[in-house]
Amino acid sequence: TTYISDKKQAFAPKFGVDTPLYEHHTT
């Protein structure tokens, strides 16, 4: 509850949204 695994916020600047790596590592 206090600690989540979702990485959309962290991976957006790292990989760029709508990129293959972002899609993979957030799915």
PDB file of all heavy atoms in Angstrom:
ATOM      1  N   THR A   1       0.831  -1.202   0.000  1.00  0.00           N
ATOM      2  CA  THR A   1       0.000   0.000   0.000  1.00  0.00           C
ATOM      3  C   THR A   1       0.863   1.248   0.000  1.00  0.00           C
ATOM      4  O   THR A   1       0.635   2.188  -0.788  1.00  0.00           O
ATOM      5  CB  THR A   1      -0.929   0.010   1.234  1.00  0.00           C
ATOM      6  OG1 THR A   1      -1.762  -1.154   1.203  1.00  0.00           O
ATOM      7  CG2 THR A   1      -1.805   1.257   1.236  1.00  0.00           C
ATOM      8  N   THR A   2       1.866   1.282   0.846  1.00  0.00           N
ATOM      9  CA  THR A   2       2.745   2.452   0.953  1.00  0.00           C
ATOM     10  C   THR A   2       3.794   2.475  -0.149  1.00  0.00           C
ATOM     11  O   THR A   2       4.272   3.547  -0.538  1.00  0.00           O
ATOM     12  CB  THR A   2       3.442   2.465   2.324  1.00  0.00           C
ATOM     13  OG1 THR A   2       2.456   2.279   3.350  1.00  0.00           O
ATOM     14  CG2 THR A   2       4.159   3.782   2.579  1.00  0.00           C
ATOM     15  N   TYR A   3       4.147   1.287  -0.670  1.00  0.00           N
ATOM     16  CA  TYR A   3       5.218   1.182  -1.671  1.00  0.00           C
ATOM     17  C   TYR A   3       4.693   0.412  -2.873  1.00  0.00           C
ATOM     18  O   TYR A   3       4.300  -0.754  -2.741  1.00  0.00           O
ATOM     19  CB  TYR A   3       6.439   0.463  -1.073  1.00  0.00           C
ATOM     20  CG  TYR A   3       6.881   1.058   0.238  1.00  0.00           C
ATOM     21  CD1 TYR A   3       6.496   0.465   1.442  1.00  0.00           C
ATOM     22  CD2 TYR A   3       7.649   2.219   0.276  1.00  0.00           C
ATOM     23  CE1 TYR A   3       6.880   1.019   2.654  1.00  0.00           C
ATOM     24  CE2 TYR A   3       8.029   2.767   1.482  1.00  0.00           C
ATOM     25  CZ  TYR A   3       7.639   2.170   2.671  1.00  0.00           C
ATOM     26  OH  TYR A   3       8.015   2.721   3.866  1.00  0.00           O
ATOM     27  N   ILE A   4       4.664   1.048  -4.017  1.00  0.00           N
ATOM     28  CA  ILE A   4       4.095   0.420  -5.207  1.00  0.00           C
ATOM     29  C   ILE A   4       5.194   0.112  -6.229  1.00  0.00           C
ATOM     30  O   ILE A   4       6.282   0.685  -6.196  1.00  0.00           O
ATOM     31  CB  ILE A   4       3.011   1.303  -5.839  1.00  0.00           C
ATOM     32  CG1 ILE A   4       3.571   2.676  -6.236  1.00  0.00           C
ATOM     33  CG2 ILE A   4       1.816   1.436  -4.895  1.00  0.00           C
ATOM     34  CD1 ILE A   4       2.588   3.532  -7.024  1.00  0.00           C
ATOM     35  N   SER A   5       4.861  -0.800  -7.151  1.00  0.00           N
ATOM     36  CA  SER A   5       5.811  -1.225  -8.177  1.00  0.00           C
ATOM     37  C   SER A   5       5.642  -0.469  -9.488  1.00  0.00           C
ATOM     38  O   SER A   5       6.513  -0.542 -10.355  1.00  0.00           O
ATOM     39  CB  SER A   5       5.642  -2.728  -8.435  1.00  0.00           C
ATOM     40  OG  SER A   5       5.910  -3.461  -7.268  1.00  0.00           O
ATOM     41  N   ASP A   6       4.517   0.202  -9.654  1.00  0.00           N
ATOM     42  CA  ASP A   6       4.243   0.933 -10.890  1.00  0.00           C
ATOM     43  C   ASP A   6       5.354   1.946 -11.175  1.00  0.00           C
ATOM     44  O   ASP A   6       5.735   2.723 -10.303  1.00  0.00           O
ATOM     45  CB  ASP A   6       2.896   1.663 -10.757  1.00  0.00           C
ATOM     46  CG  ASP A   6       2.487   2.343 -12.037  1.00  0.00           C
ATOM     47  OD1 ASP A   6       3.105   3.372 -12.377  1.00  0.00           O
ATOM     48  OD2 ASP A   6       1.564   1.857 -12.703  1.00  0.00           O
ATOM     49  N   LYS A   7       5.879   1.929 -12.405  1.00  0.00           N
ATOM     50  CA  LYS A   7       7.024   2.780 -12.742  1.00  0.00           C
ATOM     51  C   LYS A   7       6.723   3.772 -13.860  1.00  0.00           C
ATOM     52  O   LYS A   7       7.640   4.264 -14.520  1.00  0.00           O
ATOM     53  CB  LYS A   7       8.209   1.905 -13.152  1.00  0.00           C
ATOM     54  CG  LYS A   7       8.789   1.107 -12.002  1.00  0.00           C
ATOM     55  CD  LYS A   7       9.420   2.029 -10.969  1.00  0.00           C
ATOM     56  CE  LYS A   7       9.899   1.259  -9.766  1.00  0.00           C
ATOM     57  NZ  LYS A   7       8.813   0.654  -8.998  1.00  0.00           N
ATOM     58  N   LYS A   8       5.459   4.061 -14.097  1.00  0.00           N
ATOM     59  CA  LYS A   8       5.139   4.983 -15.195  1.00  0.00           C
ATOM     60  C   LYS A   8       5.790   6.346 -14.981  1.00  0.00           C
ATOM     61  O   LYS A   8       6.339   6.950 -15.915  1.00  0.00           O
ATOM     62  CB  LYS A   8       3.625   5.120 -15.344  1.00  0.00           C
ATOM     63  CG  LYS A   8       2.939   3.844 -15.820  1.00  0.00           C
ATOM     64  CD  LYS A   8       1.444   4.049 -15.995  1.00  0.00           C
ATOM     65  CE  LYS A   8       0.789   2.769 -16.512  1.00  0.00           C
ATOM     66  NZ  LYS A   8       0.849   1.666 -15.526  1.00  0.00           N
ATOM     67  N   GLN A   9       5.757   6.839 -13.753  1.00  0.00           N
ATOM     68  CA  GLN A   9       6.347   8.152 -13.479  1.00  0.00           C
ATOM     69  C   GLN A   9       7.866   8.130 -13.663  1.00  0.00           C
ATOM     70  O   GLN A   9       8.450   9.067 -14.222  1.00  0.00           O
ATOM     71  CB  GLN A   9       6.018   8.579 -12.045  1.00  0.00           C
ATOM     72  CG  GLN A   9       6.684   9.899 -11.646  1.00  0.00           C
ATOM     73  CD  GLN A   9       6.333  10.333 -10.231  1.00  0.00           C
ATOM     74  OE1 GLN A   9       5.306  10.971 -10.023  1.00  0.00           O
ATOM     75  NE2 GLN A   9       7.175   9.985  -9.264  1.00  0.00           N
ATOM     76  N   ALA A  10       8.506   7.048 -13.225  1.00  0.00           N
ATOM     77  CA  ALA A  10       9.962   6.970 -13.315  1.00  0.00           C
ATOM     78  C   ALA A  10      10.442   6.679 -14.737  1.00  0.00           C
ATOM     79  O   ALA A  10      11.496   7.160 -15.161  1.00  0.00           O
ATOM     80  CB  ALA A  10      10.476   5.891 -12.361  1.00  0.00           C
ATOM     81  N   PHE A  11       9.664   5.884 -15.483  1.00  0.00           N
ATOM     82  CA  PHE A  11      10.130   5.452 -16.797  1.00  0.00           C
ATOM     83  C   PHE A  11       9.786   6.425 -17.921  1.00  0.00           C
ATOM     84  O   PHE A  11      10.387   6.344 -18.998  1.00  0.00           O
ATOM     85  CB  PHE A  11       9.571   4.071 -17.127  1.00  0.00           C
ATOM     86  CG  PHE A  11      10.230   2.949 -16.367  1.00  0.00           C
ATOM     87  CD1 PHE A  11       9.607   1.715 -16.243  1.00  0.00           C
ATOM     88  CD2 PHE A  11      11.474   3.108 -15.779  1.00  0.00           C
ATOM     89  CE1 PHE A  11      10.205   0.672 -15.553  1.00  0.00           C
ATOM     90  CE2 PHE A  11      12.089   2.088 -15.079  1.00  0.00           C
ATOM     91  CZ  PHE A  11      11.449   0.858 -14.968  1.00  0.00           C
ATOM     92  N   ALA A  12       8.823   7.316 -17.702  1.00  0.00           N
ATOM     93  CA  ALA A  12       8.462   8.264 -18.768  1.00  0.00           C
ATOM     94  C   ALA A  12       9.658   9.115 -19.198  1.00  0.00           C
ATOM     95  O   ALA A  12       9.970   9.196 -20.393  1.00  0.00           O
ATOM     96  CB  ALA A  12       7.284   9.125 -18.336  1.00  0.00           C
ATOM     97  N   PRO A  13      10.369   9.783 -18.269  1.00  0.00           N
ATOM     98  CA  PRO A  13      11.532  10.558 -18.705  1.00  0.00           C
ATOM     99  C   PRO A  13      12.710   9.685 -19.135  1.00  0.00           C
ATOM    100  O   PRO A  13      13.536  10.120 -19.949  1.00  0.00           O
ATOM    101  CB  PRO A  13      11.893  11.382 -17.468  1.00  0.00           C
ATOM    102  CG  PRO A  13      11.327  10.631 -16.309  1.00  0.00           C
ATOM    103  CD  PRO A  13      10.088   9.969 -16.823  1.00  0.00           C
ATOM    104  N   LYS A  14      12.790   8.469 -18.612  1.00  0.00           N
ATOM    105  CA  LYS A  14      13.920   7.592 -18.928  1.00  0.00           C
ATOM    106  C   LYS A  14      13.834   7.050 -20.357  1.00  0.00           C
ATOM    107  O   LYS A  14      14.812   7.060 -21.110  1.00  0.00           O
ATOM    108  CB  LYS A  14      13.963   6.427 -17.933  1.00  0.00           C
ATOM    109  CG  LYS A  14      15.135   5.459 -18.107  1.00  0.00           C
ATOM    110  CD  LYS A  14      15.048   4.352 -17.073  1.00  0.00           C
ATOM    111  CE  LYS A  14      16.194   3.359 -17.180  1.00  0.00           C
ATOM    112  NZ  LYS A  14      17.468   3.909 -16.730  1.00  0.00           N
ATOM    113  N   PHE A  15      12.633   6.569 -20.727  1.00  0.00           N
ATOM    114  CA  PHE A  15      12.464   5.922 -22.026  1.00  0.00           C
ATOM    115  C   PHE A  15      11.701   6.764 -23.039  1.00  0.00           C
ATOM    116  O   PHE A  15      11.816   6.536 -24.243  1.00  0.00           O
ATOM    117  CB  PHE A  15      11.729   4.583 -21.856  1.00  0.00           C
ATOM    118  CG  PHE A  15      12.428   3.599 -20.970  1.00  0.00           C
ATOM    119  CD1 PHE A  15      11.735   2.906 -19.990  1.00  0.00           C
ATOM    120  CD2 PHE A  15      13.785   3.349 -21.110  1.00  0.00           C
ATOM    121  CE1 PHE A  15      12.372   1.985 -19.175  1.00  0.00           C
ATOM    122  CE2 PHE A  15      14.434   2.432 -20.299  1.00  0.00           C
ATOM    123  CZ  PHE A  15      13.727   1.746 -19.331  1.00  0.00           C
ATOM    124  N   GLY A  16      10.903   7.734 -22.538  1.00  0.00           N
ATOM    125  CA  GLY A  16       9.996   8.465 -23.418  1.00  0.00           C
ATOM    126  C   GLY A  16       8.676   7.720 -23.514  1.00  0.00           C
ATOM    127  O   GLY A  16       8.640   6.509 -23.731  1.00  0.00           O
ATOM    128  N   VAL A  17       7.578   8.437 -23.344  1.00  0.00           N
ATOM    129  CA  VAL A  17       6.251   7.822 -23.435  1.00  0.00           C
ATOM    130  C   VAL A  17       6.011   7.391 -24.885  1.00  0.00           C
ATOM    131  O   VAL A  17       6.524   7.984 -25.830  1.00  0.00           O
ATOM    132  CB  VAL A  17       5.171   8.807 -22.958  1.00  0.00           C
ATOM    133  CG1 VAL A  17       3.778   8.182 -23.045  1.00  0.00           C
ATOM    134  CG2 VAL A  17       5.447   9.234 -21.520  1.00  0.00           C
ATOM    135  N   ASP A  18       5.211   6.356 -25.062  1.00  0.00           N
ATOM    136  CA  ASP A  18       4.889   5.834 -26.394  1.00  0.00           C
ATOM    137  C   ASP A  18       6.119   5.299 -27.116  1.00  0.00           C
ATOM    138  O   ASP A  18       6.256   5.422 -28.342  1.00  0.00           O
ATOM    139  CB  ASP A  18       4.189   6.890 -27.256  1.00  0.00           C
ATOM    140  CG  ASP A  18       2.859   7.334 -26.672  1.00  0.00           C
ATOM    141  OD1 ASP A  18       2.181   6.488 -26.064  1.00  0.00           O
ATOM    142  OD2 ASP A  18       2.518   8.520 -26.813  1.00  0.00           O
ATOM    143  N   THR A  19       7.031   4.715 -26.361  1.00  0.00           N
ATOM    144  CA  THR A  19       8.191   4.046 -26.946  1.00  0.00           C
ATOM    145  C   THR A  19       8.122   2.564 -26.596  1.00  0.00           C
ATOM    146  O   THR A  19       7.438   2.171 -25.642  1.00  0.00           O
ATOM    147  CB  THR A  19       9.509   4.629 -26.403  1.00  0.00           C
ATOM    148  OG1 THR A  19       9.586   4.378 -24.987  1.00  0.00           O
ATOM    149  CG2 THR A  19       9.610   6.129 -26.669  1.00  0.00           C
ATOM    150  N   PRO A  20       8.825   1.712 -27.347  1.00  0.00           N
ATOM    151  CA  PRO A  20       8.762   0.268 -27.056  1.00  0.00           C
ATOM    152  C   PRO A  20       9.213  -0.097 -25.648  1.00  0.00           C
ATOM    153  O   PRO A  20       8.561  -0.918 -24.970  1.00  0.00           O
ATOM    154  CB  PRO A  20       9.695  -0.330 -28.112  1.00  0.00           C
ATOM    155  CG  PRO A  20       9.616   0.629 -29.263  1.00  0.00           C
ATOM    156  CD  PRO A  20       9.515   1.988 -28.624  1.00  0.00           C
ATOM    157  N   LEU A  21      10.314   0.482 -25.166  1.00  0.00           N
ATOM    158  CA  LEU A  21      10.782   0.142 -23.822  1.00  0.00           C
ATOM    159  C   LEU A  21       9.793   0.602 -22.752  1.00  0.00           C
ATOM    160  O   LEU A  21       9.566  -0.105 -21.767  1.00  0.00           O
ATOM    161  CB  LEU A  21      12.153   0.763 -23.558  1.00  0.00           C
ATOM    162  CG  LEU A  21      13.354   0.040 -24.173  1.00  0.00           C
ATOM    163  CD1 LEU A  21      14.611   0.902 -24.068  1.00  0.00           C
ATOM    164  CD2 LEU A  21      13.589  -1.323 -23.516  1.00  0.00           C
ATOM    165  N   TYR A  22       9.219   1.783 -22.929  1.00  0.00           N
ATOM    166  CA  TYR A  22       8.237   2.267 -21.954  1.00  0.00           C
ATOM    167  C   TYR A  22       7.029   1.325 -21.927  1.00  0.00           C
ATOM    168  O   TYR A  22       6.549   0.940 -20.851  1.00  0.00           O
ATOM    169  CB  TYR A  22       7.802   3.678 -22.304  1.00  0.00           C
ATOM    170  CG  TYR A  22       6.772   4.251 -21.350  1.00  0.00           C
ATOM    171  CD1 TYR A  22       7.164   4.837 -20.150  1.00  0.00           C
ATOM    172  CD2 TYR A  22       5.408   4.199 -21.646  1.00  0.00           C
ATOM    173  CE1 TYR A  22       6.225   5.358 -19.264  1.00  0.00           C
ATOM    174  CE2 TYR A  22       4.459   4.724 -20.774  1.00  0.00           C
ATOM    175  CZ  TYR A  22       4.876   5.299 -19.581  1.00  0.00           C
ATOM    176  OH  TYR A  22       3.944   5.805 -18.707  1.00  0.00           O
ATOM    177  N   GLU A  23       6.531   0.947 -23.098  1.00  0.00           N
ATOM    178  CA  GLU A  23       5.378   0.054 -23.157  1.00  0.00           C
ATOM    179  C   GLU A  23       5.686  -1.277 -22.473  1.00  0.00           C
ATOM    180  O   GLU A  23       4.869  -1.794 -21.702  1.00  0.00           O
ATOM    181  CB  GLU A  23       4.989  -0.193 -24.617  1.00  0.00           C
ATOM    182  CG  GLU A  23       3.758  -1.083 -24.765  1.00  0.00           C
ATOM    183  CD  GLU A  23       3.430  -1.367 -26.214  1.00  0.00           C
ATOM    184  OE1 GLU A  23       4.094  -2.256 -26.802  1.00  0.00           O
ATOM    185  OE2 GLU A  23       2.530  -0.705 -26.751  1.00  0.00           O
ATOM    186  N   HIS A  24       6.894  -1.800 -22.745  1.00  0.00           N
ATOM    187  CA  HIS A  24       7.223  -3.092 -22.145  1.00  0.00           C
ATOM    188  C   HIS A  24       7.355  -3.000 -20.632  1.00  0.00           C
ATOM    189  O   HIS A  24       6.727  -3.770 -19.889  1.00  0.00           O
ATOM    190  CB  HIS A  24       8.526  -3.652 -22.726  1.00  0.00           C
ATOM    191  CG  HIS A  24       8.990  -4.856 -21.973  1.00  0.00           C
ATOM    192  ND1 HIS A  24       8.297  -6.050 -21.991  1.00  0.00           N
ATOM    193  CD2 HIS A  24      10.036  -5.046 -21.113  1.00  0.00           C
ATOM    194  CE1 HIS A  24       8.902  -6.923 -21.197  1.00  0.00           C
ATOM    195  NE2 HIS A  24       9.953  -6.342 -20.652  1.00  0.00           N
ATOM    196  N   HIS A  25       8.190  -2.080 -20.162  1.00  0.00           N
ATOM    197  CA  HIS A  25       8.506  -2.060 -18.732  1.00  0.00           C
ATOM    198  C   HIS A  25       7.376  -1.500 -17.872  1.00  0.00           C
ATOM    199  O   HIS A  25       7.454  -1.578 -16.647  1.00  0.00           O
ATOM    200  CB  HIS A  25       9.795  -1.278 -18.500  1.00  0.00           C
ATOM    201  CG  HIS A  25      11.026  -2.042 -18.904  1.00  0.00           C
ATOM    202  ND1 HIS A  25      11.316  -3.286 -18.411  1.00  0.00           N
ATOM    203  CD2 HIS A  25      12.037  -1.734 -19.767  1.00  0.00           C
ATOM    204  CE1 HIS A  25      12.452  -3.719 -18.938  1.00  0.00           C
ATOM    205  NE2 HIS A  25      12.905  -2.798 -19.765  1.00  0.00           N
ATOM    206  N   THR A  26       6.337  -0.952 -18.475  1.00  0.00           N
ATOM    207  CA  THR A  26       5.169  -0.543 -17.686  1.00  0.00           C
ATOM    208  C   THR A  26       4.009  -1.523 -17.832  1.00  0.00           C
ATOM    209  O   THR A  26       2.950  -1.321 -17.245  1.00  0.00           O
ATOM    210  CB  THR A  26       4.691   0.869 -18.085  1.00  0.00           C
ATOM    211  OG1 THR A  26       4.369   0.900 -19.487  1.00  0.00           O
ATOM    212  CG2 THR A  26       5.748   1.912 -17.791  1.00  0.00           C
ATOM    213  N   THR A  27       4.220  -2.589 -18.604  1.00  0.00           N
ATOM    214  CA  THR A  27       3.176  -3.604 -18.788  1.00  0.00           C
ATOM    215  C   THR A  27       3.566  -4.942 -18.184  1.00  0.00           C
ATOM    216  O   THR A  27       2.704  -5.722 -17.790  1.00  0.00           O
ATOM    217  CB  THR A  27       2.882  -3.795 -20.300  1.00  0.00           C
ATOM    218  OG1 THR A  27       2.578  -2.534 -20.883  1.00  0.00           O
ATOM    219  CG2 THR A  27       1.698  -4.730 -20.521  1.00  0.00           C
TER     220      THR A  27
END
